[in-house]
Amino acid sequence: MIDPEMIGYAAGALTTISFIPQAWLSWKTRHTAGLSLGMVATFALGVAMWLGYGLMIGAWPVIVSNSITLGLTLFILGLRLRRARRTRPGA
């Protein structure tokens, strides 16, 4: 029998791990021009809401994976916002 919680942890691990290459590349190159600011901000809000949902229902796979994903997403968002400020006319 497959344990549903293990499926949750596996799914969370895969989706969280998928952000590591983008975070690493963004940090290493400081290049985020190809990332839509609106998409990253909306994604961060969605992940924060998933985290809140996980906390409300006590679902540890949801809590753990979304906590890490939110951290990575906020890191990428911070780099993207910093770049947007530098490239704004008159800034």
PDB file of N, CA and C in Angstrom:
ATOM      1  N   MET A   1       0.832  -1.179   0.000  1.00  0.00           N
ATOM      2  CA  MET A   1       0.000   0.000   0.000  1.00  0.00           C
ATOM      3  C   MET A   1       0.884   1.253   0.000  1.00  0.00           C
ATOM      4  N   ILE A   2       0.532   2.222  -0.812  1.00  0.00           N
ATOM      5  CA  ILE A   2       1.291   3.464  -0.908  1.00  0.00           C
ATOM      6  C   ILE A   2       0.775   4.441   0.155  1.00  0.00           C
ATOM      7  N   ASP A   3       1.717   5.005   0.908  1.00  0.00           N
ATOM      8  CA  ASP A   3       1.382   5.974   1.948  1.00  0.00           C
ATOM      9  C   ASP A   3       1.155   7.347   1.303  1.00  0.00           C
ATOM     10  N   PRO A   4      -0.042   7.919   1.427  1.00  0.00           N
ATOM     11  CA  PRO A   4      -0.329   9.222   0.814  1.00  0.00           C
ATOM     12  C   PRO A   4       0.624  10.319   1.279  1.00  0.00           C
ATOM     13  N   GLU A   5       1.057  10.279   2.533  1.00  0.00           N
ATOM     14  CA  GLU A   5       1.977  11.299   3.035  1.00  0.00           C
ATOM     15  C   GLU A   5       3.329  11.219   2.317  1.00  0.00           C
ATOM     16  N   MET A   6       3.758   9.999   1.983  1.00  0.00           N
ATOM     17  CA  MET A   6       5.029   9.845   1.257  1.00  0.00           C
ATOM     18  C   MET A   6       4.909  10.412  -0.164  1.00  0.00           C
ATOM     19  N   ILE A   7       3.737  10.244  -0.772  1.00  0.00           N
ATOM     20  CA  ILE A   7       3.485  10.854  -2.085  1.00  0.00           C
ATOM     21  C   ILE A   7       3.580  12.376  -1.957  1.00  0.00           C
ATOM     22  N   GLY A   8       3.018  12.919  -0.896  1.00  0.00           N
ATOM     23  CA  GLY A   8       3.081  14.356  -0.644  1.00  0.00           C
ATOM     24  C   GLY A   8       4.512  14.844  -0.471  1.00  0.00           C
ATOM     25  N   TYR A   9       5.303  14.120   0.303  1.00  0.00           N
ATOM     26  CA  TYR A   9       6.707  14.511   0.481  1.00  0.00           C
ATOM     27  C   TYR A   9       7.477  14.416  -0.835  1.00  0.00           C
ATOM     28  N   ALA A  10       7.237  13.362  -1.604  1.00  0.00           N
ATOM     29  CA  ALA A  10       7.927  13.203  -2.895  1.00  0.00           C
ATOM     30  C   ALA A  10       7.541  14.321  -3.862  1.00  0.00           C
ATOM     31  N   ALA A  11       6.258  14.636  -3.934  1.00  0.00           N
ATOM     32  CA  ALA A  11       5.793  15.707  -4.808  1.00  0.00           C
ATOM     33  C   ALA A  11       6.379  17.044  -4.366  1.00  0.00           C
ATOM     34  N   GLY A  12       6.358  17.303  -3.081  1.00  0.00           N
ATOM     35  CA  GLY A  12       6.918  18.543  -2.550  1.00  0.00           C
ATOM     36  C   GLY A  12       8.411  18.649  -2.813  1.00  0.00           C
ATOM     37  N   ALA A  13       9.124  17.539  -2.652  1.00  0.00           N
ATOM     38  CA  ALA A  13      10.566  17.545  -2.905  1.00  0.00           C
ATOM     39  C   ALA A  13      10.860  17.866  -4.364  1.00  0.00           C
ATOM     40  N   LEU A  14      10.122  17.245  -5.275  1.00  0.00           N
ATOM     41  CA  LEU A  14      10.367  17.488  -6.702  1.00  0.00           C
ATOM     42  C   LEU A  14      10.067  18.922  -7.100  1.00  0.00           C
ATOM     43  N   THR A  15       8.949  19.466  -6.656  1.00  0.00           N
ATOM     44  CA  THR A  15       8.613  20.840  -7.037  1.00  0.00           C
ATOM     45  C   THR A  15       9.542  21.842  -6.366  1.00  0.00           C
ATOM     46  N   THR A  16       9.988  21.560  -5.165  1.00  0.00           N
ATOM     47  CA  THR A  16      10.932  22.446  -4.483  1.00  0.00           C
ATOM     48  C   THR A  16      12.301  22.389  -5.140  1.00  0.00           C
ATOM     49  N   ILE A  17      12.772  21.190  -5.425  1.00  0.00           N
ATOM     50  CA  ILE A  17      14.077  21.020  -6.067  1.00  0.00           C
ATOM     51  C   ILE A  17      14.111  21.705  -7.421  1.00  0.00           C
ATOM     52  N   SER A  18      12.973  21.773  -8.096  1.00  0.00           N
ATOM     53  CA  SER A  18      12.950  22.390  -9.423  1.00  0.00           C
ATOM     54  C   SER A  18      13.326  23.872  -9.372  1.00  0.00           C
ATOM     55  N   PHE A  19      13.189  24.525  -8.229  1.00  0.00           N
ATOM     56  CA  PHE A  19      13.544  25.939  -8.108  1.00  0.00           C
ATOM     57  C   PHE A  19      15.016  26.160  -7.806  1.00  0.00           C
ATOM     58  N   ILE A  20      15.708  25.166  -7.342  1.00  0.00           N
ATOM     59  CA  ILE A  20      17.112  25.346  -6.966  1.00  0.00           C
ATOM     60  C   ILE A  20      17.971  25.779  -8.155  1.00  0.00           C
ATOM     61  N   PRO A  21      17.863  25.164  -9.339  1.00  0.00           N
ATOM     62  CA  PRO A  21      18.694  25.636 -10.456  1.00  0.00           C
ATOM     63  C   PRO A  21      18.434  27.097 -10.823  1.00  0.00           C
ATOM     64  N   GLN A  22      17.181  27.547 -10.774  1.00  0.00           N
ATOM     65  CA  GLN A  22      16.877  28.943 -11.097  1.00  0.00           C
ATOM     66  C   GLN A  22      17.446  29.884 -10.043  1.00  0.00           C
ATOM     67  N   ALA A  23      17.296  29.519  -8.783  1.00  0.00           N
ATOM     68  CA  ALA A  23      17.848  30.356  -7.715  1.00  0.00           C
ATOM     69  C   ALA A  23      19.370  30.427  -7.822  1.00  0.00           C
ATOM     70  N   TRP A  24      20.009  29.308  -8.080  1.00  0.00           N
ATOM     71  CA  TRP A  24      21.463  29.264  -8.212  1.00  0.00           C
ATOM     72  C   TRP A  24      21.923  30.106  -9.404  1.00  0.00           C
ATOM     73  N   LEU A  25      21.274  29.942 -10.548  1.00  0.00           N
ATOM     74  CA  LEU A  25      21.645  30.697 -11.740  1.00  0.00           C
ATOM     75  C   LEU A  25      21.419  32.192 -11.535  1.00  0.00           C
ATOM     76  N   SER A  26      20.311  32.551 -10.909  1.00  0.00           N
ATOM     77  CA  SER A  26      20.018  33.963 -10.643  1.00  0.00           C
ATOM     78  C   SER A  26      21.058  34.564  -9.711  1.00  0.00           C
ATOM     79  N   TRP A  27      21.447  33.830  -8.695  1.00  0.00           N
ATOM     80  CA  TRP A  27      22.452  34.317  -7.759  1.00  0.00           C
ATOM     81  C   TRP A  27      23.821  34.410  -8.422  1.00  0.00           C
ATOM     82  N   LYS A  28      24.172  33.377  -9.152  1.00  0.00           N
ATOM     83  CA  LYS A  28      25.503  33.307  -9.773  1.00  0.00           C
ATOM     84  C   LYS A  28      25.688  34.386 -10.834  1.00  0.00           C
ATOM     85  N   THR A  29      24.699  34.572 -11.697  1.00  0.00           N
ATOM     86  CA  THR A  29      24.831  35.508 -12.814  1.00  0.00           C
ATOM     87  C   THR A  29      24.280  36.894 -12.504  1.00  0.00           C
ATOM     88  N   ARG A  30      23.439  36.987 -11.482  1.00  0.00           N
ATOM     89  CA  ARG A  30      22.716  38.225 -11.169  1.00  0.00           C
ATOM     90  C   ARG A  30      21.874  38.680 -12.365  1.00  0.00           C
ATOM     91  N   HIS A  31      21.498  37.724 -13.192  1.00  0.00           N
ATOM     92  CA  HIS A  31      20.709  38.011 -14.401  1.00  0.00           C
ATOM     93  C   HIS A  31      19.298  37.456 -14.204  1.00  0.00           C
ATOM     94  N   THR A  32      18.330  38.361 -14.162  1.00  0.00           N
ATOM     95  CA  THR A  32      16.940  37.954 -13.971  1.00  0.00           C
ATOM     96  C   THR A  32      16.016  38.582 -15.005  1.00  0.00           C
ATOM     97  N   ALA A  33      16.596  39.153 -16.052  1.00  0.00           N
ATOM     98  CA  ALA A  33      15.782  39.870 -17.053  1.00  0.00           C
ATOM     99  C   ALA A  33      14.745  38.962 -17.710  1.00  0.00           C
ATOM    100  N   GLY A  34      15.031  37.689 -17.823  1.00  0.00           N
ATOM    101  CA  GLY A  34      14.106  36.773 -18.471  1.00  0.00           C
ATOM    102  C   GLY A  34      12.949  36.332 -17.587  1.00  0.00           C
ATOM    103  N   LEU A  35      12.952  36.771 -16.342  1.00  0.00           N
ATOM    104  CA  LEU A  35      11.895  36.373 -15.412  1.00  0.00           C
ATOM    105  C   LEU A  35      10.846  37.475 -15.325  1.00  0.00           C
ATOM    106  N   SER A  36       9.607  37.118 -15.517  1.00  0.00           N
ATOM    107  CA  SER A  36       8.514  38.072 -15.399  1.00  0.00           C
ATOM    108  C   SER A  36       8.308  38.424 -13.930  1.00  0.00           C
ATOM    109  N   LEU A  37       8.403  39.713 -13.618  1.00  0.00           N
ATOM    110  CA  LEU A  37       8.203  40.162 -12.250  1.00  0.00           C
ATOM    111  C   LEU A  37       6.805  39.800 -11.757  1.00  0.00           C
ATOM    112  N   GLY A  38       5.817  39.972 -12.607  1.00  0.00           N
ATOM    113  CA  GLY A  38       4.449  39.629 -12.233  1.00  0.00           C
ATOM    114  C   GLY A  38       4.277  38.152 -11.936  1.00  0.00           C
ATOM    115  N   MET A  39       4.906  37.299 -12.743  1.00  0.00           N
ATOM    116  CA  MET A  39       4.798  35.856 -12.524  1.00  0.00           C
ATOM    117  C   MET A  39       5.461  35.453 -11.221  1.00  0.00           C
ATOM    118  N   VAL A  40       6.656  35.971 -10.968  1.00  0.00           N
ATOM    119  CA  VAL A  40       7.371  35.586  -9.746  1.00  0.00           C
ATOM    120  C   VAL A  40       6.614  36.078  -8.512  1.00  0.00           C
ATOM    121  N   ALA A  41       6.100  37.300  -8.560  1.00  0.00           N
ATOM    122  CA  ALA A  41       5.346  37.841  -7.422  1.00  0.00           C
ATOM    123  C   ALA A  41       4.054  37.056  -7.193  1.00  0.00           C
ATOM    124  N   THR A  42       3.339  36.747  -8.254  1.00  0.00           N
ATOM    125  CA  THR A  42       2.101  35.979  -8.139  1.00  0.00           C
ATOM    126  C   THR A  42       2.386  34.571  -7.631  1.00  0.00           C
ATOM    127  N   PHE A  43       3.451  33.963  -8.128  1.00  0.00           N
ATOM    128  CA  PHE A  43       3.833  32.628  -7.677  1.00  0.00           C
ATOM    129  C   PHE A  43       4.168  32.649  -6.188  1.00  0.00           C
ATOM    130  N   ALA A  44       4.914  33.676  -5.748  1.00  0.00           N
ATOM    131  CA  ALA A  44       5.271  33.787  -4.327  1.00  0.00           C
ATOM    132  C   ALA A  44       4.017  33.878  -3.471  1.00  0.00           C
ATOM    133  N   LEU A  45       3.043  34.668  -3.906  1.00  0.00           N
ATOM    134  CA  LEU A  45       1.790  34.784  -3.160  1.00  0.00           C
ATOM    135  C   LEU A  45       1.059  33.438  -3.112  1.00  0.00           C
ATOM    136  N   GLY A  46       1.020  32.739  -4.234  1.00  0.00           N
ATOM    137  CA  GLY A  46       0.376  31.425  -4.274  1.00  0.00           C
ATOM    138  C   GLY A  46       1.047  30.423  -3.351  1.00  0.00           C
ATOM    139  N   VAL A  47       2.379  30.418  -3.345  1.00  0.00           N
ATOM    140  CA  VAL A  47       3.114  29.505  -2.465  1.00  0.00           C
ATOM    141  C   VAL A  47       2.858  29.871  -1.005  1.00  0.00           C
ATOM    142  N   ALA A  48       2.824  31.164  -0.710  1.00  0.00           N
ATOM    143  CA  ALA A  48       2.532  31.594   0.662  1.00  0.00           C
ATOM    144  C   ALA A  48       1.139  31.122   1.084  1.00  0.00           C
ATOM    145  N   MET A  49       0.200  31.175   0.160  1.00  0.00           N
ATOM    146  CA  MET A  49      -1.153  30.711   0.477  1.00  0.00           C
ATOM    147  C   MET A  49      -1.184  29.190   0.665  1.00  0.00           C
ATOM    148  N   TRP A  50      -0.441  28.448  -0.138  1.00  0.00           N
ATOM    149  CA  TRP A  50      -0.344  26.998   0.056  1.00  0.00           C
ATOM    150  C   TRP A  50       0.274  26.693   1.419  1.00  0.00           C
ATOM    151  N   LEU A  51       1.274  27.475   1.797  1.00  0.00           N
ATOM    152  CA  LEU A  51       1.885  27.296   3.112  1.00  0.00           C
ATOM    153  C   LEU A  51       0.858  27.546   4.207  1.00  0.00           C
ATOM    154  N   GLY A  52       0.096  28.623   4.078  1.00  0.00           N
ATOM    155  CA  GLY A  52      -0.957  28.913   5.054  1.00  0.00           C
ATOM    156  C   GLY A  52      -1.975  27.798   5.131  1.00  0.00           C
ATOM    157  N   TYR A  53      -2.360  27.279   3.987  1.00  0.00           N
ATOM    158  CA  TYR A  53      -3.299  26.161   3.935  1.00  0.00           C
ATOM    159  C   TYR A  53      -2.712  24.942   4.651  1.00  0.00           C
ATOM    160  N   GLY A  54      -1.458  24.641   4.363  1.00  0.00           N
ATOM    161  CA  GLY A  54      -0.804  23.512   5.018  1.00  0.00           C
ATOM    162  C   GLY A  54      -0.767  23.668   6.526  1.00  0.00           C
ATOM    163  N   LEU A  55      -0.488  24.897   6.979  1.00  0.00           N
ATOM    164  CA  LEU A  55      -0.471  25.158   8.423  1.00  0.00           C
ATOM    165  C   LEU A  55      -1.858  24.982   9.035  1.00  0.00           C
ATOM    166  N   MET A  56      -2.869  25.438   8.307  1.00  0.00           N
ATOM    167  CA  MET A  56      -4.240  25.346   8.820  1.00  0.00           C
ATOM    168  C   MET A  56      -4.713  23.903   8.967  1.00  0.00           C
ATOM    169  N   ILE A  57      -4.300  23.031   8.052  1.00  0.00           N
ATOM    170  CA  ILE A  57      -4.760  21.639   8.129  1.00  0.00           C
ATOM    171  C   ILE A  57      -3.715  20.706   8.735  1.00  0.00           C
ATOM    172  N   GLY A  58      -2.540  21.248   9.067  1.00  0.00           N
ATOM    173  CA  GLY A  58      -1.495  20.446   9.701  1.00  0.00           C
ATOM    174  C   GLY A  58      -0.868  19.419   8.773  1.00  0.00           C
ATOM    175  N   ALA A  59      -0.780  19.734   7.479  1.00  0.00           N
ATOM    176  CA  ALA A  59      -0.221  18.801   6.494  1.00  0.00           C
ATOM    177  C   ALA A  59       1.281  19.072   6.337  1.00  0.00           C
ATOM    178  N   TRP A  60       2.096  18.276   7.005  1.00  0.00           N
ATOM    179  CA  TRP A  60       3.535  18.512   7.015  1.00  0.00           C
ATOM    180  C   TRP A  60       4.192  18.474   5.643  1.00  0.00           C
ATOM    181  N   PRO A  61       3.807  17.595   4.721  1.00  0.00           N
ATOM    182  CA  PRO A  61       4.434  17.655   3.392  1.00  0.00           C
ATOM    183  C   PRO A  61       4.195  19.010   2.713  1.00  0.00           C
ATOM    184  N   VAL A  62       3.006  19.563   2.890  1.00  0.00           N
ATOM    185  CA  VAL A  62       2.667  20.865   2.304  1.00  0.00           C
ATOM    186  C   VAL A  62       3.443  21.974   3.020  1.00  0.00           C
ATOM    187  N   ILE A  63       3.547  21.896   4.324  1.00  0.00           N
ATOM    188  CA  ILE A  63       4.244  22.911   5.109  1.00  0.00           C
ATOM    189  C   ILE A  63       5.732  22.941   4.772  1.00  0.00           C
ATOM    190  N   VAL A  64       6.371  21.794   4.797  1.00  0.00           N
ATOM    191  CA  VAL A  64       7.818  21.728   4.566  1.00  0.00           C
ATOM    192  C   VAL A  64       8.169  22.179   3.153  1.00  0.00           C
ATOM    193  N   SER A  65       7.511  21.601   2.160  1.00  0.00           N
ATOM    194  CA  SER A  65       7.877  21.919   0.778  1.00  0.00           C
ATOM    195  C   SER A  65       7.576  23.377   0.437  1.00  0.00           C
ATOM    196  N   ASN A  66       6.455  23.906   0.894  1.00  0.00           N
ATOM    197  CA  ASN A  66       6.121  25.286   0.567  1.00  0.00           C
ATOM    198  C   ASN A  66       6.937  26.294   1.362  1.00  0.00           C
ATOM    199  N   SER A  67       7.390  25.936   2.534  1.00  0.00           N
ATOM    200  CA  SER A  67       8.298  26.820   3.280  1.00  0.00           C
ATOM    201  C   SER A  67       9.599  27.005   2.514  1.00  0.00           C
ATOM    202  N   ILE A  68      10.157  25.912   2.040  1.00  0.00           N
ATOM    203  CA  ILE A  68      11.415  25.981   1.296  1.00  0.00           C
ATOM    204  C   ILE A  68      11.205  26.678  -0.043  1.00  0.00           C
ATOM    205  N   THR A  69      10.143  26.316  -0.750  1.00  0.00           N
ATOM    206  CA  THR A  69       9.862  26.939  -2.047  1.00  0.00           C
ATOM    207  C   THR A  69       9.628  28.432  -1.888  1.00  0.00           C
ATOM    208  N   LEU A  70       8.931  28.841  -0.834  1.00  0.00           N
ATOM    209  CA  LEU A  70       8.695  30.262  -0.604  1.00  0.00           C
ATOM    210  C   LEU A  70      10.014  30.991  -0.377  1.00  0.00           C
ATOM    211  N   GLY A  71      10.906  30.401   0.392  1.00  0.00           N
ATOM    212  CA  GLY A  71      12.218  31.011   0.611  1.00  0.00           C
ATOM    213  C   GLY A  71      12.982  31.202  -0.692  1.00  0.00           C
ATOM    214  N   LEU A  72      13.008  30.173  -1.526  1.00  0.00           N
ATOM    215  CA  LEU A  72      13.687  30.268  -2.817  1.00  0.00           C
ATOM    216  C   LEU A  72      13.024  31.298  -3.718  1.00  0.00           C
ATOM    217  N   THR A  73      11.698  31.315  -3.725  1.00  0.00           N
ATOM    218  CA  THR A  73      10.964  32.255  -4.572  1.00  0.00           C
ATOM    219  C   THR A  73      11.174  33.693  -4.118  1.00  0.00           C
ATOM    220  N   LEU A  74      11.174  33.929  -2.822  1.00  0.00           N
ATOM    221  CA  LEU A  74      11.409  35.282  -2.320  1.00  0.00           C
ATOM    222  C   LEU A  74      12.828  35.739  -2.627  1.00  0.00           C
ATOM    223  N   PHE A  75      13.778  34.824  -2.596  1.00  0.00           N
ATOM    224  CA  PHE A  75      15.153  35.144  -2.976  1.00  0.00           C
ATOM    225  C   PHE A  75      15.204  35.598  -4.436  1.00  0.00           C
ATOM    226  N   ILE A  76      14.580  34.821  -5.319  1.00  0.00           N
ATOM    227  CA  ILE A  76      14.542  35.166  -6.742  1.00  0.00           C
ATOM    228  C   ILE A  76      13.792  36.484  -6.945  1.00  0.00           C
ATOM    229  N   LEU A  77      12.682  36.662  -6.243  1.00  0.00           N
ATOM    230  CA  LEU A  77      11.907  37.898  -6.348  1.00  0.00           C
ATOM    231  C   LEU A  77      12.741  39.099  -5.900  1.00  0.00           C
ATOM    232  N   GLY A  78      13.491  38.940  -4.833  1.00  0.00           N
ATOM    233  CA  GLY A  78      14.357  40.018  -4.365  1.00  0.00           C
ATOM    234  C   GLY A  78      15.390  40.410  -5.401  1.00  0.00           C
ATOM    235  N   LEU A  79      16.017  39.421  -6.024  1.00  0.00           N
ATOM    236  CA  LEU A  79      16.979  39.712  -7.083  1.00  0.00           C
ATOM    237  C   LEU A  79      16.306  40.411  -8.251  1.00  0.00           C
ATOM    238  N   ARG A  80      15.118  39.957  -8.596  1.00  0.00           N
ATOM    239  CA  ARG A  80      14.385  40.542  -9.732  1.00  0.00           C
ATOM    240  C   ARG A  80      13.969  41.971  -9.429  1.00  0.00           C
ATOM    241  N   LEU A  81      13.506  42.240  -8.213  1.00  0.00           N
ATOM    242  CA  LEU A  81      13.119  43.595  -7.837  1.00  0.00           C
ATOM    243  C   LEU A  81      14.318  44.535  -7.821  1.00  0.00           C
ATOM    244  N   ARG A  82      15.438  44.041  -7.341  1.00  0.00           N
ATOM    245  CA  ARG A  82      16.650  44.859  -7.321  1.00  0.00           C
ATOM    246  C   ARG A  82      17.067  45.228  -8.732  1.00  0.00           C
ATOM    247  N   ARG A  83      16.966  44.265  -9.649  1.00  0.00           N
ATOM    248  CA  ARG A  83      17.312  44.526 -11.040  1.00  0.00           C
ATOM    249  C   ARG A  83      16.335  45.515 -11.658  1.00  0.00           C
ATOM    250  N   ALA A  84      15.045  45.376 -11.344  1.00  0.00           N
ATOM    251  CA  ALA A  84      14.029  46.272 -11.901  1.00  0.00           C
ATOM    252  C   ALA A  84      14.281  47.709 -11.457  1.00  0.00           C
ATOM    253  N   ARG A  85      14.707  47.906 -10.215  1.00  0.00           N
ATOM    254  CA  ARG A  85      15.012  49.247  -9.708  1.00  0.00           C
ATOM    255  C   ARG A  85      16.210  49.850 -10.416  1.00  0.00           C
ATOM    256  N   ARG A  86      17.208  49.038 -10.703  1.00  0.00           N
ATOM    257  CA  ARG A  86      18.421  49.536 -11.363  1.00  0.00           C
ATOM    258  C   ARG A  86      18.199  49.912 -12.805  1.00  0.00           C
ATOM    259  N   THR A  87      17.273  49.242 -13.464  1.00  0.00           N
ATOM    260  CA  THR A  87      17.061  49.492 -14.901  1.00  0.00           C
ATOM    261  C   THR A  87      15.933  50.472 -15.173  1.00  0.00           C
ATOM    262  N   ARG A  88      15.287  50.967 -14.122  1.00  0.00           N
ATOM    263  CA  ARG A  88      14.186  51.909 -14.299  1.00  0.00           C
ATOM    264  C   ARG A  88      14.745  53.260 -14.734  1.00  0.00           C
ATOM    265  N   PRO A  89      14.141  53.877 -15.763  1.00  0.00           N
ATOM    266  CA  PRO A  89      14.608  55.193 -16.210  1.00  0.00           C
ATOM    267  C   PRO A  89      14.518  56.207 -15.072  1.00  0.00           C
ATOM    268  N   GLY A  90      15.561  56.977 -14.918  1.00  0.00           N
ATOM    269  CA  GLY A  90      15.593  57.998 -13.894  1.00  0.00           C
ATOM    270  C   GLY A  90      16.024  57.491 -12.526  1.00  0.00           C
ATOM    271  N   ALA A  91      16.339  56.202 -12.425  1.00  0.00           N
ATOM    272  CA  ALA A  91      16.726  55.646 -11.131  1.00  0.00           C
ATOM    273  C   ALA A  91      18.219  55.695 -10.950  1.00  0.00           C
TER     274      ALA A  91
END
